[in-house]
């Protein structure tokens, strides 16, 4: 599918078109997020081609996303505000809880709603130019795109509180240290690294990727006894898949690579 919104681009990458590269295309606005762009993200991730096994999100220009487009922020009463926030939640759930793992390729500003979008991805790769902030607290508003749920899972509620109360900005290195990204790479290379990771992930068994996206986060939030049972059931389901059986057999027959230190 080709998005009808020019603020979002989709291209397929790889010999089997197994990687979807989704580009925020509002460089003149520092890829600020508006409702149209959020709804287009929802539509893209709900309708990825069947060939796609992993996806990458990145931003055109100098920034991943500088957050909510405040020029399009309209006055709403409380009930309208709730429904608007829930629309963002549903859209970003299509990223986090869709059919394929998603890697965010970060550079420049990852601010406000941009950080909420990045936190909905499963892996985040930041280049040296990346910086993170949650300026909503200093602007008299509050996160509304899922940040209050997703960001504390990455860095803890105390660090998020500090970011919002004080306007604290983290650079790429410190962001990786506290958990905002899993990788830091030289400036200009985050997209290449994200595509490399997506290519590796696309080679995994589908059920393993599904378990890591959908079962592992739930297990982490369950009481230990419930988590052990969920883990046991997910392990049994994953290993029963024909693809898993073929991979284990290949390893036992010496046809699969062993783990080694790079």
C-alpha atoms as a PDB file:
ATOM      1  CA  UNK A   1       0.000   0.000   0.000  1.00  0.00           C
ATOM      2  CA  UNK A   2       1.047   3.604  -0.565  1.00  0.00           C
ATOM      3  CA  UNK A   3      -0.021   6.052   2.152  1.00  0.00           C
ATOM      4  CA  UNK A   4      -2.387   8.722   0.862  1.00  0.00           C
ATOM      5  CA  UNK A   5      -0.825  11.232   3.260  1.00  0.00           C
ATOM      6  CA  UNK A   6       2.316  12.860   1.763  1.00  0.00           C
ATOM      7  CA  UNK A   7       3.616  13.397   5.322  1.00  0.00           C
ATOM      8  CA  UNK A   8       4.292   9.647   5.537  1.00  0.00           C
ATOM      9  CA  UNK A   9       6.218   7.442   3.136  1.00  0.00           C
ATOM     10  CA  UNK A  10       6.440   3.661   2.957  1.00  0.00           C
ATOM     11  CA  UNK A  11       8.954   1.659   0.993  1.00  0.00           C
ATOM     12  CA  UNK A  12       9.803  -2.019   1.082  1.00  0.00           C
ATOM     13  CA  UNK A  13      13.377  -3.186   1.438  1.00  0.00           C
ATOM     14  CA  UNK A  14      15.145  -6.531   1.026  1.00  0.00           C
ATOM     15  CA  UNK A  15      15.138  -9.282  -1.555  1.00  0.00           C
ATOM     16  CA  UNK A  16      11.746 -10.510  -0.396  1.00  0.00           C
ATOM     17  CA  UNK A  17      10.383  -7.054   0.523  1.00  0.00           C
ATOM     18  CA  UNK A  18      10.555  -8.218   4.128  1.00  0.00           C
ATOM     19  CA  UNK A  19      11.455  -4.827   5.654  1.00  0.00           C
ATOM     20  CA  UNK A  20       9.001  -1.925   5.727  1.00  0.00           C
ATOM     21  CA  UNK A  21      10.709   1.470   6.022  1.00  0.00           C
ATOM     22  CA  UNK A  22       8.245   4.078   7.254  1.00  0.00           C
ATOM     23  CA  UNK A  23       9.395   7.694   6.938  1.00  0.00           C
ATOM     24  CA  UNK A  24       7.978  10.714   8.734  1.00  0.00           C
ATOM     25  CA  UNK A  25       8.075  13.257   5.911  1.00  0.00           C
ATOM     26  CA  UNK A  26       7.531  16.681   7.515  1.00  0.00           C
ATOM     27  CA  UNK A  27      11.137  17.857   7.600  1.00  0.00           C
ATOM     28  CA  UNK A  28      10.167  21.535   7.400  1.00  0.00           C
ATOM     29  CA  UNK A  29       8.158  21.031  10.613  1.00  0.00           C
ATOM     30  CA  UNK A  30      10.900  18.932  12.271  1.00  0.00           C
ATOM     31  CA  UNK A  31       8.527  15.987  11.716  1.00  0.00           C
ATOM     32  CA  UNK A  32       6.084  17.367  14.258  1.00  0.00           C
ATOM     33  CA  UNK A  33       3.159  15.002  14.722  1.00  0.00           C
ATOM     34  CA  UNK A  34      -0.404  15.957  13.879  1.00  0.00           C
ATOM     35  CA  UNK A  35      -3.560  13.866  13.859  1.00  0.00           C
ATOM     36  CA  UNK A  36      -3.318  13.141  10.149  1.00  0.00           C
ATOM     37  CA  UNK A  37       0.179  11.721  10.509  1.00  0.00           C
ATOM     38  CA  UNK A  38      -0.793   9.636  13.543  1.00  0.00           C
ATOM     39  CA  UNK A  39      -3.804   8.194  11.734  1.00  0.00           C
ATOM     40  CA  UNK A  40      -1.637   7.439   8.693  1.00  0.00           C
ATOM     41  CA  UNK A  41       0.791   5.535  10.930  1.00  0.00           C
ATOM     42  CA  UNK A  42      -2.166   3.557  12.249  1.00  0.00           C
ATOM     43  CA  UNK A  43      -3.324   2.729   8.734  1.00  0.00           C
ATOM     44  CA  UNK A  44       0.129   1.704   7.543  1.00  0.00           C
ATOM     45  CA  UNK A  45       0.757  -0.656  10.437  1.00  0.00           C
ATOM     46  CA  UNK A  46      -2.722  -2.153  10.194  1.00  0.00           C
ATOM     47  CA  UNK A  47      -2.195  -2.899   6.498  1.00  0.00           C
ATOM     48  CA  UNK A  48       1.425  -3.936   6.059  1.00  0.00           C
ATOM     49  CA  UNK A  49       2.000  -6.267   3.095  1.00  0.00           C
ATOM     50  CA  UNK A  50       2.100  -9.963   3.956  1.00  0.00           C
ATOM     51  CA  UNK A  51       5.776 -10.139   2.962  1.00  0.00           C
ATOM     52  CA  UNK A  52       6.862  -7.764   5.744  1.00  0.00           C
ATOM     53  CA  UNK A  53       8.607  -9.380   8.731  1.00  0.00           C
ATOM     54  CA  UNK A  54      10.017  -6.250  10.443  1.00  0.00           C
ATOM     55  CA  UNK A  55       9.661  -2.472  10.162  1.00  0.00           C
ATOM     56  CA  UNK A  56      11.770   0.648  10.663  1.00  0.00           C
ATOM     57  CA  UNK A  57      10.466   4.129  11.492  1.00  0.00           C
ATOM     58  CA  UNK A  58      12.665   7.147  10.887  1.00  0.00           C
ATOM     59  CA  UNK A  59      12.351  10.852  10.202  1.00  0.00           C
ATOM     60  CA  UNK A  60      13.269  12.806   7.072  1.00  0.00           C
ATOM     61  CA  UNK A  61      15.656  15.725   7.552  1.00  0.00           C
ATOM     62  CA  UNK A  62      17.530  16.689  10.694  1.00  0.00           C
ATOM     63  CA  UNK A  63      15.156  15.250  13.308  1.00  0.00           C
ATOM     64  CA  UNK A  64      13.218  12.116  14.139  1.00  0.00           C
ATOM     65  CA  UNK A  65      10.315  14.116  15.560  1.00  0.00           C
ATOM     66  CA  UNK A  66      10.125  17.312  17.604  1.00  0.00           C
ATOM     67  CA  UNK A  67       6.785  16.237  19.080  1.00  0.00           C
ATOM     68  CA  UNK A  68       3.217  17.439  18.844  1.00  0.00           C
ATOM     69  CA  UNK A  69       2.535  20.098  16.221  1.00  0.00           C
ATOM     70  CA  UNK A  70       1.366  22.814  18.619  1.00  0.00           C
ATOM     71  CA  UNK A  71       0.255  25.009  15.716  1.00  0.00           C
ATOM     72  CA  UNK A  72      -2.542  22.501  15.135  1.00  0.00           C
ATOM     73  CA  UNK A  73      -3.445  22.109  18.812  1.00  0.00           C
ATOM     74  CA  UNK A  74      -7.106  23.042  19.140  1.00  0.00           C
ATOM     75  CA  UNK A  75      -9.080  23.888  22.230  1.00  0.00           C
ATOM     76  CA  UNK A  76     -11.074  20.913  23.500  1.00  0.00           C
ATOM     77  CA  UNK A  77     -13.283  20.314  26.455  1.00  0.00           C
ATOM     78  CA  UNK A  78     -12.363  17.492  28.827  1.00  0.00           C
ATOM     79  CA  UNK A  79     -14.387  14.806  27.080  1.00  0.00           C
ATOM     80  CA  UNK A  80     -13.023  15.762  23.634  1.00  0.00           C
ATOM     81  CA  UNK A  81      -9.511  15.691  25.083  1.00  0.00           C
ATOM     82  CA  UNK A  82     -10.009  12.165  26.424  1.00  0.00           C
ATOM     83  CA  UNK A  83     -11.259  10.859  23.082  1.00  0.00           C
ATOM     84  CA  UNK A  84      -8.432  12.595  21.233  1.00  0.00           C
ATOM     85  CA  UNK A  85      -5.824  11.031  23.522  1.00  0.00           C
ATOM     86  CA  UNK A  86      -7.432   7.610  23.143  1.00  0.00           C
ATOM     87  CA  UNK A  87      -7.188   7.971  19.368  1.00  0.00           C
ATOM     88  CA  UNK A  88      -3.424   8.398  19.706  1.00  0.00           C
ATOM     89  CA  UNK A  89      -3.288   5.413  22.058  1.00  0.00           C
ATOM     90  CA  UNK A  90      -5.097   3.196  19.556  1.00  0.00           C
ATOM     91  CA  UNK A  91      -2.875   4.369  16.695  1.00  0.00           C
ATOM     92  CA  UNK A  92       0.414   3.768  18.532  1.00  0.00           C
ATOM     93  CA  UNK A  93      -0.865   0.408  19.758  1.00  0.00           C
ATOM     94  CA  UNK A  94      -0.815  -0.593  16.077  1.00  0.00           C
ATOM     95  CA  UNK A  95       2.940   0.023  16.161  1.00  0.00           C
ATOM     96  CA  UNK A  96       3.660  -1.671  19.479  1.00  0.00           C
ATOM     97  CA  UNK A  97       1.131  -4.508  19.223  1.00  0.00           C
ATOM     98  CA  UNK A  98       1.026  -5.104  15.489  1.00  0.00           C
ATOM     99  CA  UNK A  99       2.274  -8.063  13.514  1.00  0.00           C
ATOM    100  CA  UNK A 100       5.973  -7.229  13.200  1.00  0.00           C
ATOM    101  CA  UNK A 101       8.778  -5.898  15.413  1.00  0.00           C
ATOM    102  CA  UNK A 102       9.504  -2.203  14.845  1.00  0.00           C
ATOM    103  CA  UNK A 103      12.875  -0.454  15.138  1.00  0.00           C
ATOM    104  CA  UNK A 104      13.055   3.328  15.559  1.00  0.00           C
ATOM    105  CA  UNK A 105      16.020   4.986  13.831  1.00  0.00           C
ATOM    106  CA  UNK A 106      16.559   8.127  15.897  1.00  0.00           C
ATOM    107  CA  UNK A 107      18.458  11.329  15.175  1.00  0.00           C
ATOM    108  CA  UNK A 108      18.132  14.940  16.219  1.00  0.00           C
ATOM    109  CA  UNK A 109      15.057  15.784  18.280  1.00  0.00           C
ATOM    110  CA  UNK A 110      13.137  12.941  19.914  1.00  0.00           C
ATOM    111  CA  UNK A 111      10.895  15.227  21.887  1.00  0.00           C
ATOM    112  CA  UNK A 112       7.420  15.012  23.419  1.00  0.00           C
ATOM    113  CA  UNK A 113       5.180  13.064  21.075  1.00  0.00           C
ATOM    114  CA  UNK A 114       8.284  11.995  19.153  1.00  0.00           C
ATOM    115  CA  UNK A 115       9.495  10.186  22.264  1.00  0.00           C
ATOM    116  CA  UNK A 116       6.018   8.707  22.741  1.00  0.00           C
ATOM    117  CA  UNK A 117       6.216   7.295  19.204  1.00  0.00           C
ATOM    118  CA  UNK A 118       9.757   6.010  19.727  1.00  0.00           C
ATOM    119  CA  UNK A 119       8.727   4.337  22.989  1.00  0.00           C
ATOM    120  CA  UNK A 120       6.026   2.392  21.112  1.00  0.00           C
ATOM    121  CA  UNK A 121       8.763   0.752  19.018  1.00  0.00           C
ATOM    122  CA  UNK A 122      10.495  -2.418  20.183  1.00  0.00           C
ATOM    123  CA  UNK A 123      14.098  -1.353  19.597  1.00  0.00           C
ATOM    124  CA  UNK A 124      15.521   2.173  19.423  1.00  0.00           C
ATOM    125  CA  UNK A 125      18.777   3.057  17.651  1.00  0.00           C
ATOM    126  CA  UNK A 126      20.066   6.581  18.307  1.00  0.00           C
ATOM    127  CA  UNK A 127      22.831   8.352  16.450  1.00  0.00           C
ATOM    128  CA  UNK A 128      25.147  10.834  18.167  1.00  0.00           C
ATOM    129  CA  UNK A 129      22.956  13.800  17.231  1.00  0.00           C
ATOM    130  CA  UNK A 130      19.944  12.484  19.164  1.00  0.00           C
ATOM    131  CA  UNK A 131      18.492  14.346  22.115  1.00  0.00           C
ATOM    132  CA  UNK A 132      15.435  13.561  24.223  1.00  0.00           C
ATOM    133  CA  UNK A 133      13.025  15.815  26.115  1.00  0.00           C
ATOM    134  CA  UNK A 134       9.485  15.923  27.480  1.00  0.00           C
ATOM    135  CA  UNK A 135       8.696  19.649  27.533  1.00  0.00           C
ATOM    136  CA  UNK A 136       4.959  19.218  28.191  1.00  0.00           C
ATOM    137  CA  UNK A 137       5.418  20.065  31.862  1.00  0.00           C
ATOM    138  CA  UNK A 138       6.895  23.489  31.081  1.00  0.00           C
ATOM    139  CA  UNK A 139       4.144  24.190  28.508  1.00  0.00           C
ATOM    140  CA  UNK A 140       1.268  23.587  30.881  1.00  0.00           C
ATOM    141  CA  UNK A 141       0.132  20.326  29.289  1.00  0.00           C
ATOM    142  CA  UNK A 142       0.605  16.607  29.930  1.00  0.00           C
ATOM    143  CA  UNK A 143       1.651  13.709  27.744  1.00  0.00           C
ATOM    144  CA  UNK A 144      -1.338  12.209  25.969  1.00  0.00           C
ATOM    145  CA  UNK A 145       0.018   9.755  23.402  1.00  0.00           C
ATOM    146  CA  UNK A 146       0.883   6.906  25.744  1.00  0.00           C
ATOM    147  CA  UNK A 147       4.066   8.385  27.184  1.00  0.00           C
ATOM    148  CA  UNK A 148       2.899   8.125  30.785  1.00  0.00           C
ATOM    149  CA  UNK A 149       2.661   4.347  30.337  1.00  0.00           C
ATOM    150  CA  UNK A 150       5.499   3.545  27.948  1.00  0.00           C
ATOM    151  CA  UNK A 151       8.307   5.914  28.954  1.00  0.00           C
ATOM    152  CA  UNK A 152       8.397   4.913  32.683  1.00  0.00           C
ATOM    153  CA  UNK A 153       8.767   1.292  31.562  1.00  0.00           C
ATOM    154  CA  UNK A 154      11.981   2.344  29.830  1.00  0.00           C
ATOM    155  CA  UNK A 155      13.515   4.747  32.358  1.00  0.00           C
ATOM    156  CA  UNK A 156      11.361   4.642  35.505  1.00  0.00           C
ATOM    157  CA  UNK A 157       8.740   7.079  36.768  1.00  0.00           C
ATOM    158  CA  UNK A 158      11.262   9.172  38.730  1.00  0.00           C
ATOM    159  CA  UNK A 159      13.374   9.999  35.662  1.00  0.00           C
ATOM    160  CA  UNK A 160      10.292  10.833  33.600  1.00  0.00           C
ATOM    161  CA  UNK A 161       9.020  13.056  36.409  1.00  0.00           C
ATOM    162  CA  UNK A 162      12.347  14.892  36.425  1.00  0.00           C
ATOM    163  CA  UNK A 163      12.235  15.365  32.642  1.00  0.00           C
ATOM    164  CA  UNK A 164       8.748  16.848  32.786  1.00  0.00           C
ATOM    165  CA  UNK A 165       9.180  18.950  35.927  1.00  0.00           C
ATOM    166  CA  UNK A 166      12.501  20.500  34.940  1.00  0.00           C
ATOM    167  CA  UNK A 167      12.638  20.278  31.148  1.00  0.00           C
ATOM    168  CA  UNK A 168      15.782  18.151  31.394  1.00  0.00           C
ATOM    169  CA  UNK A 169      17.303  17.135  28.056  1.00  0.00           C
ATOM    170  CA  UNK A 170      19.266  13.906  27.587  1.00  0.00           C
ATOM    171  CA  UNK A 171      21.849  13.442  24.868  1.00  0.00           C
ATOM    172  CA  UNK A 172      22.319  10.213  22.918  1.00  0.00           C
ATOM    173  CA  UNK A 173      24.903   8.656  25.251  1.00  0.00           C
ATOM    174  CA  UNK A 174      23.031   9.419  28.453  1.00  0.00           C
ATOM    175  CA  UNK A 175      19.778   8.381  26.811  1.00  0.00           C
ATOM    176  CA  UNK A 176      21.210   4.946  26.071  1.00  0.00           C
ATOM    177  CA  UNK A 177      22.564   4.725  29.622  1.00  0.00           C
ATOM    178  CA  UNK A 178      19.145   5.260  31.205  1.00  0.00           C
ATOM    179  CA  UNK A 179      17.250   3.079  28.718  1.00  0.00           C
ATOM    180  CA  UNK A 180      15.803   5.420  26.099  1.00  0.00           C
ATOM    181  CA  UNK A 181      17.675   3.519  23.396  1.00  0.00           C
ATOM    182  CA  UNK A 182      19.456   0.207  23.107  1.00  0.00           C
ATOM    183  CA  UNK A 183      22.102   1.371  20.626  1.00  0.00           C
ATOM    184  CA  UNK A 184      24.142   4.517  19.977  1.00  0.00           C
ATOM    185  CA  UNK A 185      25.855   4.820  16.598  1.00  0.00           C
ATOM    186  CA  UNK A 186      27.818   7.540  14.752  1.00  0.00           C
ATOM    187  CA  UNK A 187      25.839  10.476  13.404  1.00  0.00           C
ATOM    188  CA  UNK A 188      24.041   9.699  10.175  1.00  0.00           C
ATOM    189  CA  UNK A 189      24.097   5.908  10.592  1.00  0.00           C
ATOM    190  CA  UNK A 190      21.037   5.108  12.706  1.00  0.00           C
ATOM    191  CA  UNK A 191      18.896   4.184   9.697  1.00  0.00           C
ATOM    192  CA  UNK A 192      21.564   1.811   8.354  1.00  0.00           C
ATOM    193  CA  UNK A 193      21.890   0.176  11.771  1.00  0.00           C
ATOM    194  CA  UNK A 194      18.114  -0.091  12.144  1.00  0.00           C
ATOM    195  CA  UNK A 195      17.791  -1.750   8.723  1.00  0.00           C
ATOM    196  CA  UNK A 196      20.580  -4.166   9.638  1.00  0.00           C
ATOM    197  CA  UNK A 197      18.772  -5.098  12.851  1.00  0.00           C
ATOM    198  CA  UNK A 198      15.439  -5.388  11.045  1.00  0.00           C
ATOM    199  CA  UNK A 199      17.030  -7.745   8.523  1.00  0.00           C
ATOM    200  CA  UNK A 200      18.267  -9.998  11.324  1.00  0.00           C
ATOM    201  CA  UNK A 201      14.896  -9.884  13.065  1.00  0.00           C
ATOM    202  CA  UNK A 202      13.068 -10.699   9.835  1.00  0.00           C
ATOM    203  CA  UNK A 203      15.045 -13.944   9.722  1.00  0.00           C
ATOM    204  CA  UNK A 204      13.636 -15.132  13.051  1.00  0.00           C
ATOM    205  CA  UNK A 205      10.735 -17.534  13.331  1.00  0.00           C
ATOM    206  CA  UNK A 206       7.472 -15.596  13.208  1.00  0.00           C
ATOM    207  CA  UNK A 207       6.125 -17.157  16.402  1.00  0.00           C
ATOM    208  CA  UNK A 208       9.274 -16.232  18.330  1.00  0.00           C
ATOM    209  CA  UNK A 209       8.924 -12.625  17.210  1.00  0.00           C
ATOM    210  CA  UNK A 210       5.242 -12.698  18.133  1.00  0.00           C
ATOM    211  CA  UNK A 211       6.050 -14.048  21.597  1.00  0.00           C
ATOM    212  CA  UNK A 212       8.643 -11.332  22.214  1.00  0.00           C
ATOM    213  CA  UNK A 213       6.255  -8.595  21.103  1.00  0.00           C
ATOM    214  CA  UNK A 214       3.053  -9.794  22.737  1.00  0.00           C
ATOM    215  CA  UNK A 215       3.812 -12.341  25.454  1.00  0.00           C
ATOM    216  CA  UNK A 216       7.011 -11.014  27.047  1.00  0.00           C
ATOM    217  CA  UNK A 217       5.625  -7.553  27.976  1.00  0.00           C
ATOM    218  CA  UNK A 218       2.590  -9.179  29.580  1.00  0.00           C
ATOM    219  CA  UNK A 219       4.699 -11.724  31.445  1.00  0.00           C
ATOM    220  CA  UNK A 220       6.824  -8.881  32.824  1.00  0.00           C
ATOM    221  CA  UNK A 221       3.702  -7.332  34.359  1.00  0.00           C
ATOM    222  CA  UNK A 222       2.191 -10.543  35.726  1.00  0.00           C
ATOM    223  CA  UNK A 223       2.719 -11.954  39.219  1.00  0.00           C
ATOM    224  CA  UNK A 224       5.573 -14.450  39.095  1.00  0.00           C
ATOM    225  CA  UNK A 225       3.323 -17.516  39.352  1.00  0.00           C
ATOM    226  CA  UNK A 226       1.135 -16.298  36.474  1.00  0.00           C
ATOM    227  CA  UNK A 227       4.202 -15.347  34.461  1.00  0.00           C
ATOM    228  CA  UNK A 228       5.761 -18.792  34.787  1.00  0.00           C
ATOM    229  CA  UNK A 229       2.577 -20.413  33.466  1.00  0.00           C
ATOM    230  CA  UNK A 230       2.294 -17.952  30.559  1.00  0.00           C
ATOM    231  CA  UNK A 231       5.948 -18.556  29.726  1.00  0.00           C
ATOM    232  CA  UNK A 232       5.449 -22.336  29.741  1.00  0.00           C
ATOM    233  CA  UNK A 233       2.483 -22.126  27.384  1.00  0.00           C
ATOM    234  CA  UNK A 234       4.237 -19.681  25.041  1.00  0.00           C
ATOM    235  CA  UNK A 235       7.384 -21.841  24.955  1.00  0.00           C
ATOM    236  CA  UNK A 236       5.308 -24.908  24.080  1.00  0.00           C
ATOM    237  CA  UNK A 237       3.464 -23.059  21.312  1.00  0.00           C
ATOM    238  CA  UNK A 238       6.658 -21.604  19.827  1.00  0.00           C
ATOM    239  CA  UNK A 239       8.601 -24.859  19.769  1.00  0.00           C
ATOM    240  CA  UNK A 240       5.690 -26.761  18.208  1.00  0.00           C
ATOM    241  CA  UNK A 241       5.751 -24.634  15.054  1.00  0.00           C
ATOM    242  CA  UNK A 242       7.200 -26.451  11.999  1.00  0.00           C
ATOM    243  CA  UNK A 243       9.644 -23.593  11.429  1.00  0.00           C
ATOM    244  CA  UNK A 244      11.020 -23.957  14.953  1.00  0.00           C
ATOM    245  CA  UNK A 245      11.398 -27.709  14.599  1.00  0.00           C
ATOM    246  CA  UNK A 246      13.312 -27.254  11.348  1.00  0.00           C
ATOM    247  CA  UNK A 247      15.665 -24.703  12.941  1.00  0.00           C
ATOM    248  CA  UNK A 248      16.421 -26.921  15.937  1.00  0.00           C
ATOM    249  CA  UNK A 249      17.011 -29.878  13.641  1.00  0.00           C
ATOM    250  CA  UNK A 250      19.421 -27.832  11.518  1.00  0.00           C
ATOM    251  CA  UNK A 251      21.359 -26.835  14.631  1.00  0.00           C
ATOM    252  CA  UNK A 252      21.602 -30.432  15.864  1.00  0.00           C
ATOM    253  CA  UNK A 253      22.809 -31.525  12.446  1.00  0.00           C
ATOM    254  CA  UNK A 254      25.529 -28.863  12.469  1.00  0.00           C
ATOM    255  CA  UNK A 255      23.930 -26.839   9.712  1.00  0.00           C
ATOM    256  CA  UNK A 256      23.263 -23.729  11.791  1.00  0.00           C
ATOM    257  CA  UNK A 257      25.802 -21.267  13.108  1.00  0.00           C
ATOM    258  CA  UNK A 258      26.760 -21.449  16.789  1.00  0.00           C
ATOM    259  CA  UNK A 259      26.815 -18.412  19.025  1.00  0.00           C
ATOM    260  CA  UNK A 260      30.201 -16.718  18.945  1.00  0.00           C
ATOM    261  CA  UNK A 261      31.754 -13.540  20.305  1.00  0.00           C
ATOM    262  CA  UNK A 262      32.108 -10.876  17.608  1.00  0.00           C
END
